[in-house]
Structures are given as C-alpha cells and as structure tokens.
Amino acid sequence: MEKGQLEAIDLIINVLREHEKNLDNLLDRLDTLIETISTIMARMEYFYEKIETPAQ
C-alpha cells in the first residue's frame, strides 16, 4: 500500500474510534435519562394513588 492509502485508512479508523466514544457517551446519558424518568414516573404514580384513594 502507498503512504497516502495508509494515511486515509488511519484517518478513517480514528474517525470511527471518535464516533464510538461519542456513541458510548450518548448511551450513558440516555441510561441516566431513562433512570431519572422512571424515578419521576414512580413518584407520580405514588402521588396519584394518594389522590385517588384519600385517607378516610
């Protein structure tokens, strides 16, 4: 292979590695967001139940 071809392949590999890091970061953030939304939903369900069935 020529030097230019090797440099192009190296560039592509580096771009793909950076893309993989970005995707991993986005997945981590999405996991955190889903966990937060689940917690909020659980709290909302709890308060909804308290409203629907008030203490007698």
PDB file of N, CA and C in Angstrom:
ATOM      1  N   MET A   1       0.841  -1.189   0.000  1.00  0.00           N
ATOM      2  CA  MET A   1       0.000   0.000   0.000  1.00  0.00           C
ATOM      3  C   MET A   1       0.877   1.241   0.000  1.00  0.00           C
ATOM      4  N   GLU A   2       0.342   2.264  -0.591  1.00  0.00           N
ATOM      5  CA  GLU A   2       1.061   3.534  -0.625  1.00  0.00           C
ATOM      6  C   GLU A   2       0.834   4.306   0.667  1.00  0.00           C
ATOM      7  N   LYS A   3       1.703   5.262   0.887  1.00  0.00           N
ATOM      8  CA  LYS A   3       1.626   6.057   2.108  1.00  0.00           C
ATOM      9  C   LYS A   3       0.286   6.788   2.204  1.00  0.00           C
ATOM     10  N   GLY A   4      -0.186   7.327   1.103  1.00  0.00           N
ATOM     11  CA  GLY A   4      -1.461   8.052   1.091  1.00  0.00           C
ATOM     12  C   GLY A   4      -2.632   7.149   1.460  1.00  0.00           C
ATOM     13  N   GLN A   5      -2.592   5.918   0.978  1.00  0.00           N
ATOM     14  CA  GLN A   5      -3.664   4.975   1.301  1.00  0.00           C
ATOM     15  C   GLN A   5      -3.651   4.624   2.782  1.00  0.00           C
ATOM     16  N   LEU A   6      -2.452   4.423   3.320  1.00  0.00           N
ATOM     17  CA  LEU A   6      -2.342   4.115   4.757  1.00  0.00           C
ATOM     18  C   LEU A   6      -2.819   5.285   5.612  1.00  0.00           C
ATOM     19  N   GLU A   7      -2.503   6.497   5.190  1.00  0.00           N
ATOM     20  CA  GLU A   7      -2.959   7.674   5.927  1.00  0.00           C
ATOM     21  C   GLU A   7      -4.476   7.795   5.882  1.00  0.00           C
ATOM     22  N   ALA A   8      -5.070   7.475   4.733  1.00  0.00           N
ATOM     23  CA  ALA A   8      -6.531   7.527   4.610  1.00  0.00           C
ATOM     24  C   ALA A   8      -7.176   6.492   5.518  1.00  0.00           C
ATOM     25  N   ILE A   9      -6.625   5.299   5.531  1.00  0.00           N
ATOM     26  CA  ILE A   9      -7.162   4.246   6.407  1.00  0.00           C
ATOM     27  C   ILE A   9      -6.999   4.644   7.869  1.00  0.00           C
ATOM     28  N   ASP A  10      -5.869   5.213   8.213  1.00  0.00           N
ATOM     29  CA  ASP A  10      -5.624   5.670   9.585  1.00  0.00           C
ATOM     30  C   ASP A  10      -6.633   6.745   9.972  1.00  0.00           C
ATOM     31  N   LEU A  11      -6.914   7.670   9.062  1.00  0.00           N
ATOM     32  CA  LEU A  11      -7.881   8.730   9.321  1.00  0.00           C
ATOM     33  C   LEU A  11      -9.272   8.129   9.557  1.00  0.00           C
ATOM     34  N   ILE A  12      -9.668   7.185   8.724  1.00  0.00           N
ATOM     35  CA  ILE A  12     -10.975   6.545   8.865  1.00  0.00           C
ATOM     36  C   ILE A  12     -11.075   5.825  10.201  1.00  0.00           C
ATOM     37  N   ILE A  13     -10.023   5.116  10.577  1.00  0.00           N
ATOM     38  CA  ILE A  13     -10.025   4.395  11.859  1.00  0.00           C
ATOM     39  C   ILE A  13     -10.155   5.373  13.021  1.00  0.00           C
ATOM     40  N   ASN A  14      -9.440   6.482  12.961  1.00  0.00           N
ATOM     41  CA  ASN A  14      -9.518   7.478  14.041  1.00  0.00           C
ATOM     42  C   ASN A  14     -10.905   8.108  14.126  1.00  0.00           C
ATOM     43  N   VAL A  15     -11.500   8.385  12.970  1.00  0.00           N
ATOM     44  CA  VAL A  15     -12.851   8.948  12.964  1.00  0.00           C
ATOM     45  C   VAL A  15     -13.836   7.944  13.566  1.00  0.00           C
ATOM     46  N   LEU A  16     -13.712   6.677  13.208  1.00  0.00           N
ATOM     47  CA  LEU A  16     -14.601   5.651  13.750  1.00  0.00           C
ATOM     48  C   LEU A  16     -14.412   5.490  15.258  1.00  0.00           C
ATOM     49  N   ARG A  17     -13.189   5.578  15.733  1.00  0.00           N
ATOM     50  CA  ARG A  17     -12.940   5.492  17.181  1.00  0.00           C
ATOM     51  C   ARG A  17     -13.597   6.650  17.913  1.00  0.00           C
ATOM     52  N   GLU A  18     -13.475   7.852  17.355  1.00  0.00           N
ATOM     53  CA  GLU A  18     -14.093   9.026  17.963  1.00  0.00           C
ATOM     54  C   GLU A  18     -15.615   8.894  17.951  1.00  0.00           C
ATOM     55  N   HIS A  19     -16.135   8.390  16.857  1.00  0.00           N
ATOM     56  CA  HIS A  19     -17.585   8.165  16.747  1.00  0.00           C
ATOM     57  C   HIS A  19     -18.049   7.155  17.796  1.00  0.00           C
ATOM     58  N   GLU A  20     -17.275   6.110  18.003  1.00  0.00           N
ATOM     59  CA  GLU A  20     -17.613   5.104  19.015  1.00  0.00           C
ATOM     60  C   GLU A  20     -17.634   5.722  20.412  1.00  0.00           C
ATOM     61  N   LYS A  21     -16.667   6.585  20.711  1.00  0.00           N
ATOM     62  CA  LYS A  21     -16.637   7.259  22.014  1.00  0.00           C
ATOM     63  C   LYS A  21     -17.877   8.125  22.185  1.00  0.00           C
ATOM     64  N   ASN A  22     -18.243   8.850  21.126  1.00  0.00           N
ATOM     65  CA  ASN A  22     -19.427   9.709  21.201  1.00  0.00           C
ATOM     66  C   ASN A  22     -20.694   8.884  21.424  1.00  0.00           C
ATOM     67  N   LEU A  23     -20.805   7.760  20.735  1.00  0.00           N
ATOM     68  CA  LEU A  23     -21.971   6.896  20.916  1.00  0.00           C
ATOM     69  C   LEU A  23     -22.024   6.333  22.332  1.00  0.00           C
ATOM     70  N   ASP A  24     -20.885   5.923  22.863  1.00  0.00           N
ATOM     71  CA  ASP A  24     -20.842   5.424  24.245  1.00  0.00           C
ATOM     72  C   ASP A  24     -21.298   6.499  25.225  1.00  0.00           C
ATOM     73  N   ASN A  25     -20.845   7.725  25.004  1.00  0.00           N
ATOM     74  CA  ASN A  25     -21.234   8.841  25.867  1.00  0.00           C
ATOM     75  C   ASN A  25     -22.740   9.078  25.769  1.00  0.00           C
ATOM     76  N   LEU A  26     -23.279   9.059  24.559  1.00  0.00           N
ATOM     77  CA  LEU A  26     -24.712   9.260  24.385  1.00  0.00           C
ATOM     78  C   LEU A  26     -25.523   8.145  25.040  1.00  0.00           C
ATOM     79  N   LEU A  27     -25.043   6.922  24.942  1.00  0.00           N
ATOM     80  CA  LEU A  27     -25.745   5.801  25.583  1.00  0.00           C
ATOM     81  C   LEU A  27     -25.747   5.946  27.101  1.00  0.00           C
ATOM     82  N   ASP A  28     -24.622   6.377  27.661  1.00  0.00           N
ATOM     83  CA  ASP A  28     -24.562   6.607  29.108  1.00  0.00           C
ATOM     84  C   ASP A  28     -25.552   7.684  29.528  1.00  0.00           C
ATOM     85  N   ARG A  29     -25.610   8.756  28.753  1.00  0.00           N
ATOM     86  CA  ARG A  29     -26.536   9.845  29.063  1.00  0.00           C
ATOM     87  C   ARG A  29     -27.982   9.384  28.929  1.00  0.00           C
ATOM     88  N   LEU A  30     -28.257   8.567  27.923  1.00  0.00           N
ATOM     89  CA  LEU A  30     -29.607   8.041  27.731  1.00  0.00           C
ATOM     90  C   LEU A  30     -30.007   7.135  28.894  1.00  0.00           C
ATOM     91  N   ASP A  31     -29.084   6.299  29.356  1.00  0.00           N
ATOM     92  CA  ASP A  31     -29.355   5.445  30.523  1.00  0.00           C
ATOM     93  C   ASP A  31     -29.713   6.288  31.740  1.00  0.00           C
ATOM     94  N   THR A  32     -28.963   7.367  31.954  1.00  0.00           N
ATOM     95  CA  THR A  32     -29.230   8.254  33.082  1.00  0.00           C
ATOM     96  C   THR A  32     -30.594   8.910  32.934  1.00  0.00           C
ATOM     97  N   LEU A  33     -30.908   9.345  31.728  1.00  0.00           N
ATOM     98  CA  LEU A  33     -32.198   9.984  31.477  1.00  0.00           C
ATOM     99  C   LEU A  33     -33.350   9.008  31.713  1.00  0.00           C
ATOM    100  N   ILE A  34     -33.215   7.797  31.230  1.00  0.00           N
ATOM    101  CA  ILE A  34     -34.263   6.787  31.419  1.00  0.00           C
ATOM    102  C   ILE A  34     -34.451   6.481  32.903  1.00  0.00           C
ATOM    103  N   GLU A  35     -33.360   6.379  33.632  1.00  0.00           N
ATOM    104  CA  GLU A  35     -33.442   6.122  35.078  1.00  0.00           C
ATOM    105  C   GLU A  35     -34.155   7.269  35.791  1.00  0.00           C
ATOM    106  N   THR A  36     -33.840   8.495  35.409  1.00  0.00           N
ATOM    107  CA  THR A  36     -34.474   9.664  36.011  1.00  0.00           C
ATOM    108  C   THR A  36     -35.963   9.702  35.695  1.00  0.00           C
ATOM    109  N   ILE A  37     -36.315   9.440  34.453  1.00  0.00           N
ATOM    110  CA  ILE A  37     -37.726   9.433  34.060  1.00  0.00           C
ATOM    111  C   ILE A  37     -38.484   8.331  34.803  1.00  0.00           C
ATOM    112  N   SER A  38     -37.872   7.177  34.956  1.00  0.00           N
ATOM    113  CA  SER A  38     -38.513   6.084  35.698  1.00  0.00           C
ATOM    114  C   SER A  38     -38.775   6.476  37.144  1.00  0.00           C
ATOM    115  N   THR A  39     -37.826   7.146  37.756  1.00  0.00           N
ATOM    116  CA  THR A  39     -37.998   7.607  39.137  1.00  0.00           C
ATOM    117  C   THR A  39     -39.133   8.616  39.229  1.00  0.00           C
ATOM    118  N   ILE A  40     -39.172   9.551  38.299  1.00  0.00           N
ATOM    119  CA  ILE A  40     -40.240  10.554  38.281  1.00  0.00           C
ATOM    120  C   ILE A  40     -41.600   9.885  38.093  1.00  0.00           C
ATOM    121  N   MET A  41     -41.673   8.931  37.183  1.00  0.00           N
ATOM    122  CA  MET A  41     -42.940   8.232  36.946  1.00  0.00           C
ATOM    123  C   MET A  41     -43.400   7.481  38.189  1.00  0.00           C
ATOM    124  N   ALA A  42     -42.473   6.837  38.885  1.00  0.00           N
ATOM    125  CA  ALA A  42     -42.831   6.109  40.101  1.00  0.00           C
ATOM    126  C   ALA A  42     -43.373   7.063  41.154  1.00  0.00           C
ATOM    127  N   ARG A  43     -42.752   8.223  41.285  1.00  0.00           N
ATOM    128  CA  ARG A  43     -43.230   9.213  42.260  1.00  0.00           C
ATOM    129  C   ARG A  43     -44.602   9.743  41.872  1.00  0.00           C
ATOM    130  N   MET A  44     -44.790   9.989  40.579  1.00  0.00           N
ATOM    131  CA  MET A  44     -46.085  10.480  40.116  1.00  0.00           C
ATOM    132  C   MET A  44     -47.183   9.447  40.357  1.00  0.00           C
ATOM    133  N   GLU A  45     -46.892   8.175  40.125  1.00  0.00           N
ATOM    134  CA  GLU A  45     -47.867   7.120  40.374  1.00  0.00           C
ATOM    135  C   GLU A  45     -48.214   7.050  41.862  1.00  0.00           C
ATOM    136  N   TYR A  46     -47.207   7.197  42.709  1.00  0.00           N
ATOM    137  CA  TYR A  46     -47.429   7.180  44.154  1.00  0.00           C
ATOM    138  C   TYR A  46     -48.382   8.306  44.562  1.00  0.00           C
ATOM    139  N   PHE A  47     -48.096   9.523  44.090  1.00  0.00           N
ATOM    140  CA  PHE A  47     -48.942  10.657  44.454  1.00  0.00           C
ATOM    141  C   PHE A  47     -50.327  10.545  43.827  1.00  0.00           C
ATOM    142  N   TYR A  48     -50.415   9.993  42.646  1.00  0.00           N
ATOM    143  CA  TYR A  48     -51.719   9.792  42.012  1.00  0.00           C
ATOM    144  C   TYR A  48     -52.569   8.828  42.839  1.00  0.00           C
ATOM    145  N   GLU A  49     -51.940   7.754  43.306  1.00  0.00           N
ATOM    146  CA  GLU A  49     -52.649   6.801  44.161  1.00  0.00           C
ATOM    147  C   GLU A  49     -53.149   7.466  45.447  1.00  0.00           C
ATOM    148  N   LYS A  50     -52.333   8.343  46.021  1.00  0.00           N
ATOM    149  CA  LYS A  50     -52.728   9.028  47.246  1.00  0.00           C
ATOM    150  C   LYS A  50     -53.903   9.957  46.968  1.00  0.00           C
ATOM    151  N   ILE A  51     -53.933  10.582  45.821  1.00  0.00           N
ATOM    152  CA  ILE A  51     -55.025  11.472  45.469  1.00  0.00           C
ATOM    153  C   ILE A  51     -56.300  10.685  45.202  1.00  0.00           C
ATOM    154  N   GLU A  52     -56.176   9.574  44.506  1.00  0.00           N
ATOM    155  CA  GLU A  52     -57.326   8.758  44.133  1.00  0.00           C
ATOM    156  C   GLU A  52     -57.949   8.040  45.327  1.00  0.00           C
ATOM    157  N   THR A  53     -57.131   7.669  46.300  1.00  0.00           N
ATOM    158  CA  THR A  53     -57.636   6.963  47.476  1.00  0.00           C
ATOM    159  C   THR A  53     -57.235   7.724  48.730  1.00  0.00           C
ATOM    160  N   PRO A  54     -57.922   8.837  48.991  1.00  0.00           N
ATOM    161  CA  PRO A  54     -57.557   9.625  50.185  1.00  0.00           C
ATOM    162  C   PRO A  54     -57.859   8.858  51.472  1.00  0.00           C
ATOM    163  N   ALA A  55     -57.125   9.194  52.502  1.00  0.00           N
ATOM    164  CA  ALA A  55     -57.336   8.541  53.805  1.00  0.00           C
ATOM    165  C   ALA A  55     -58.747   8.846  54.296  1.00  0.00           C
ATOM    166  N   GLN A  56     -59.400   7.833  54.816  1.00  0.00           N
ATOM    167  CA  GLN A  56     -60.783   8.002  55.285  1.00  0.00           C
ATOM    168  C   GLN A  56     -60.861   8.095  56.785  1.00  0.00           C
TER     169      GLN A  56
END
